[in-house]
Amino acid sequence: MAEAYAEAAAKAGEEVGLTLLEGIGHFPLIDPAADACAVVAEEIAQLAW
């Protein structure tokens, strides 16, 4: 679903970024002890610049 959305947004002229974390569920994305959370934090930090 995310890939289809990103593709449609790009075709509509939007600036799109998509980072996929294979095999990661919802909770590791918000668990500070999980590696996936560090990826999310870095993506958010990049948006701030």
PDB file of N, CA and C in Angstrom:
ATOM      1  N   MET A   1       0.820  -1.173   0.000  1.00  0.00           N
ATOM      2  CA  MET A   1       0.000   0.000   0.000  1.00  0.00           C
ATOM      3  C   MET A   1       0.880   1.259   0.000  1.00  0.00           C
ATOM      4  N   ALA A   2       1.918   1.271   0.799  1.00  0.00           N
ATOM      5  CA  ALA A   2       2.792   2.436   0.863  1.00  0.00           C
ATOM      6  C   ALA A   2       3.492   2.680  -0.469  1.00  0.00           C
ATOM      7  N   GLU A   3       3.905   1.604  -1.113  1.00  0.00           N
ATOM      8  CA  GLU A   3       4.579   1.750  -2.402  1.00  0.00           C
ATOM      9  C   GLU A   3       3.640   2.333  -3.454  1.00  0.00           C
ATOM     10  N   ALA A   4       2.399   1.869  -3.471  1.00  0.00           N
ATOM     11  CA  ALA A   4       1.427   2.381  -4.435  1.00  0.00           C
ATOM     12  C   ALA A   4       1.140   3.858  -4.178  1.00  0.00           C
ATOM     13  N   TYR A   5       1.028   4.238  -2.910  1.00  0.00           N
ATOM     14  CA  TYR A   5       0.790   5.639  -2.567  1.00  0.00           C
ATOM     15  C   TYR A   5       1.966   6.504  -3.009  1.00  0.00           C
ATOM     16  N   ALA A   6       3.178   6.073  -2.699  1.00  0.00           N
ATOM     17  CA  ALA A   6       4.364   6.841  -3.067  1.00  0.00           C
ATOM     18  C   ALA A   6       4.460   6.995  -4.580  1.00  0.00           C
ATOM     19  N   GLU A   7       4.166   5.946  -5.306  1.00  0.00           N
ATOM     20  CA  GLU A   7       4.206   6.003  -6.769  1.00  0.00           C
ATOM     21  C   GLU A   7       3.176   6.995  -7.310  1.00  0.00           C
ATOM     22  N   ALA A   8       1.960   6.944  -6.766  1.00  0.00           N
ATOM     23  CA  ALA A   8       0.910   7.850  -7.223  1.00  0.00           C
ATOM     24  C   ALA A   8       1.259   9.300  -6.884  1.00  0.00           C
ATOM     25  N   ALA A   9       1.811   9.524  -5.704  1.00  0.00           N
ATOM     26  CA  ALA A   9       2.186  10.881  -5.306  1.00  0.00           C
ATOM     27  C   ALA A   9       3.304  11.416  -6.202  1.00  0.00           C
ATOM     28  N   ALA A  10       4.274  10.579  -6.512  1.00  0.00           N
ATOM     29  CA  ALA A  10       5.364  10.992  -7.395  1.00  0.00           C
ATOM     30  C   ALA A  10       4.837  11.339  -8.783  1.00  0.00           C
ATOM     31  N   LYS A  11       3.923  10.530  -9.288  1.00  0.00           N
ATOM     32  CA  LYS A  11       3.335  10.809 -10.607  1.00  0.00           C
ATOM     33  C   LYS A  11       2.548  12.109 -10.605  1.00  0.00           C
ATOM     34  N   ALA A  12       2.028  12.471  -9.423  1.00  0.00           N
ATOM     35  CA  ALA A  12       1.270  13.719  -9.305  1.00  0.00           C
ATOM     36  C   ALA A  12       2.183  14.922  -9.081  1.00  0.00           C
ATOM     37  N   GLY A  13       3.497  14.669  -9.067  1.00  0.00           N
ATOM     38  CA  GLY A  13       4.445  15.763  -8.941  1.00  0.00           C
ATOM     39  C   GLY A  13       4.914  16.049  -7.526  1.00  0.00           C
ATOM     40  N   GLU A  14       4.518  15.242  -6.589  1.00  0.00           N
ATOM     41  CA  GLU A  14       4.951  15.445  -5.212  1.00  0.00           C
ATOM     42  C   GLU A  14       6.367  14.925  -4.998  1.00  0.00           C
ATOM     43  N   GLU A  15       7.093  15.532  -4.071  1.00  0.00           N
ATOM     44  CA  GLU A  15       8.399  15.022  -3.669  1.00  0.00           C
ATOM     45  C   GLU A  15       8.138  13.873  -2.701  1.00  0.00           C
ATOM     46  N   VAL A  16       8.668  12.709  -3.008  1.00  0.00           N
ATOM     47  CA  VAL A  16       8.326  11.505  -2.247  1.00  0.00           C
ATOM     48  C   VAL A  16       9.585  10.813  -1.739  1.00  0.00           C
ATOM     49  N   GLY A  17       9.507  10.338  -0.522  1.00  0.00           N
ATOM     50  CA  GLY A  17      10.535   9.480   0.040  1.00  0.00           C
ATOM     51  C   GLY A  17       9.858   8.304   0.704  1.00  0.00           C
ATOM     52  N   LEU A  18      10.424   7.143   0.565  1.00  0.00           N
ATOM     53  CA  LEU A  18       9.833   5.948   1.160  1.00  0.00           C
ATOM     54  C   LEU A  18      10.957   5.048   1.634  1.00  0.00           C
ATOM     55  N   THR A  19      10.921   4.710   2.906  1.00  0.00           N
ATOM     56  CA  THR A  19      11.894   3.790   3.468  1.00  0.00           C
ATOM     57  C   THR A  19      11.130   2.569   3.960  1.00  0.00           C
ATOM     58  N   LEU A  20      11.447   1.422   3.399  1.00  0.00           N
ATOM     59  CA  LEU A  20      10.784   0.186   3.791  1.00  0.00           C
ATOM     60  C   LEU A  20      11.695  -0.612   4.718  1.00  0.00           C
ATOM     61  N   LEU A  21      11.141  -1.087   5.796  1.00  0.00           N
ATOM     62  CA  LEU A  21      11.864  -1.934   6.738  1.00  0.00           C
ATOM     63  C   LEU A  21      11.205  -3.310   6.692  1.00  0.00           C
ATOM     64  N   GLU A  22      11.775  -4.188   5.916  1.00  0.00           N
ATOM     65  CA  GLU A  22      11.205  -5.522   5.712  1.00  0.00           C
ATOM     66  C   GLU A  22      11.162  -6.313   7.021  1.00  0.00           C
ATOM     67  N   GLY A  23      10.059  -6.965   7.258  1.00  0.00           N
ATOM     68  CA  GLY A  23       9.913  -7.846   8.407  1.00  0.00           C
ATOM     69  C   GLY A  23       9.735  -7.129   9.735  1.00  0.00           C
ATOM     70  N   ILE A  24       9.498  -5.827   9.707  1.00  0.00           N
ATOM     71  CA  ILE A  24       9.321  -5.060  10.939  1.00  0.00           C
ATOM     72  C   ILE A  24       7.838  -4.762  11.110  1.00  0.00           C
ATOM     73  N   GLY A  25       7.321  -5.045  12.289  1.00  0.00           N
ATOM     74  CA  GLY A  25       5.918  -4.751  12.585  1.00  0.00           C
ATOM     75  C   GLY A  25       5.749  -3.318  13.062  1.00  0.00           C
ATOM     76  N   HIS A  26       4.593  -3.027  13.610  1.00  0.00           N
ATOM     77  CA  HIS A  26       4.291  -1.668  14.050  1.00  0.00           C
ATOM     78  C   HIS A  26       5.063  -1.248  15.305  1.00  0.00           C
ATOM     79  N   PHE A  27       5.150  -2.120  16.279  1.00  0.00           N
ATOM     80  CA  PHE A  27       5.691  -1.725  17.572  1.00  0.00           C
ATOM     81  C   PHE A  27       7.187  -1.432  17.586  1.00  0.00           C
ATOM     82  N   PRO A  28       8.035  -2.137  16.847  1.00  0.00           N
ATOM     83  CA  PRO A  28       9.456  -1.776  16.862  1.00  0.00           C
ATOM     84  C   PRO A  28       9.728  -0.358  16.349  1.00  0.00           C
ATOM     85  N   LEU A  29       8.808   0.177  15.593  1.00  0.00           N
ATOM     86  CA  LEU A  29       8.992   1.530  15.064  1.00  0.00           C
ATOM     87  C   LEU A  29       8.944   2.587  16.167  1.00  0.00           C
ATOM     88  N   ILE A  30       8.296   2.256  17.287  1.00  0.00           N
ATOM     89  CA  ILE A  30       8.177   3.214  18.396  1.00  0.00           C
ATOM     90  C   ILE A  30       8.867   2.731  19.666  1.00  0.00           C
ATOM     91  N   ASP A  31       9.564   1.616  19.611  1.00  0.00           N
ATOM     92  CA  ASP A  31      10.277   1.064  20.761  1.00  0.00           C
ATOM     93  C   ASP A  31      11.705   1.596  20.754  1.00  0.00           C
ATOM     94  N   PRO A  32      12.057   2.475  21.689  1.00  0.00           N
ATOM     95  CA  PRO A  32      13.398   3.067  21.684  1.00  0.00           C
ATOM     96  C   PRO A  32      14.535   2.047  21.727  1.00  0.00           C
ATOM     97  N   ALA A  33      14.266   0.845  22.194  1.00  0.00           N
ATOM     98  CA  ALA A  33      15.299  -0.188  22.264  1.00  0.00           C
ATOM     99  C   ALA A  33      15.474  -0.933  20.941  1.00  0.00           C
ATOM    100  N   ALA A  34      14.577  -0.726  19.990  1.00  0.00           N
ATOM    101  CA  ALA A  34      14.618  -1.449  18.716  1.00  0.00           C
ATOM    102  C   ALA A  34      15.417  -0.673  17.670  1.00  0.00           C
ATOM    103  N   ASP A  35      16.159  -1.384  16.846  1.00  0.00           N
ATOM    104  CA  ASP A  35      16.932  -0.751  15.773  1.00  0.00           C
ATOM    105  C   ASP A  35      16.042   0.035  14.812  1.00  0.00           C
ATOM    106  N   ALA A  36      14.840  -0.471  14.588  1.00  0.00           N
ATOM    107  CA  ALA A  36      13.928   0.199  13.653  1.00  0.00           C
ATOM    108  C   ALA A  36      13.566   1.598  14.134  1.00  0.00           C
ATOM    109  N   CYS A  37      13.507   1.784  15.429  1.00  0.00           N
ATOM    110  CA  CYS A  37      13.171   3.097  15.985  1.00  0.00           C
ATOM    111  C   CYS A  37      14.252   4.119  15.625  1.00  0.00           C
ATOM    112  N   ALA A  38      15.491   3.702  15.605  1.00  0.00           N
ATOM    113  CA  ALA A  38      16.578   4.608  15.219  1.00  0.00           C
ATOM    114  C   ALA A  38      16.430   5.044  13.762  1.00  0.00           C
ATOM    115  N   VAL A  39      15.984   4.142  12.924  1.00  0.00           N
ATOM    116  CA  VAL A  39      15.752   4.483  11.508  1.00  0.00           C
ATOM    117  C   VAL A  39      14.647   5.528  11.413  1.00  0.00           C
ATOM    118  N   VAL A  40      13.577   5.324  12.154  1.00  0.00           N
ATOM    119  CA  VAL A  40      12.464   6.277  12.152  1.00  0.00           C
ATOM    120  C   VAL A  40      12.940   7.642  12.649  1.00  0.00           C
ATOM    121  N   ALA A  41      13.694   7.663  13.731  1.00  0.00           N
ATOM    122  CA  ALA A  41      14.192   8.925  14.279  1.00  0.00           C
ATOM    123  C   ALA A  41      15.069   9.654  13.262  1.00  0.00           C
ATOM    124  N   GLU A  42      15.900   8.926  12.550  1.00  0.00           N
ATOM    125  CA  GLU A  42      16.764   9.545  11.541  1.00  0.00           C
ATOM    126  C   GLU A  42      15.934  10.108  10.386  1.00  0.00           C
ATOM    127  N   GLU A  43      14.924   9.376   9.962  1.00  0.00           N
ATOM    128  CA  GLU A  43      14.049   9.874   8.878  1.00  0.00           C
ATOM    129  C   GLU A  43      13.362  11.164   9.304  1.00  0.00           C
ATOM    130  N   ILE A  44      12.875  11.212  10.534  1.00  0.00           N
ATOM    131  CA  ILE A  44      12.212  12.422  11.041  1.00  0.00           C
ATOM    132  C   ILE A  44      13.216  13.570  11.112  1.00  0.00           C
ATOM    133  N   ALA A  45      14.426  13.286  11.578  1.00  0.00           N
ATOM    134  CA  ALA A  45      15.451  14.333  11.656  1.00  0.00           C
ATOM    135  C   ALA A  45      15.760  14.892  10.273  1.00  0.00           C
ATOM    136  N   GLN A  46      15.786  14.052   9.260  1.00  0.00           N
ATOM    137  CA  GLN A  46      16.055  14.522   7.897  1.00  0.00           C
ATOM    138  C   GLN A  46      14.944  15.455   7.400  1.00  0.00           C
ATOM    139  N   LEU A  47      13.725  15.205   7.823  1.00  0.00           N
ATOM    140  CA  LEU A  47      12.614  16.058   7.411  1.00  0.00           C
ATOM    141  C   LEU A  47      12.721  17.457   8.013  1.00  0.00           C
ATOM    142  N   ALA A  48      13.385  17.554   9.148  1.00  0.00           N
ATOM    143  CA  ALA A  48      13.525  18.837   9.825  1.00  0.00           C
ATOM    144  C   ALA A  48      14.468  19.775   9.099  1.00  0.00           C
ATOM    145  N   TRP A  49      15.330  19.231   8.230  1.00  0.00           N
ATOM    146  CA  TRP A  49      16.287  20.065   7.514  1.00  0.00           C
ATOM    147  C   TRP A  49      15.754  20.330   6.168  1.00  0.00           C
TER     148      TRP A  49
END
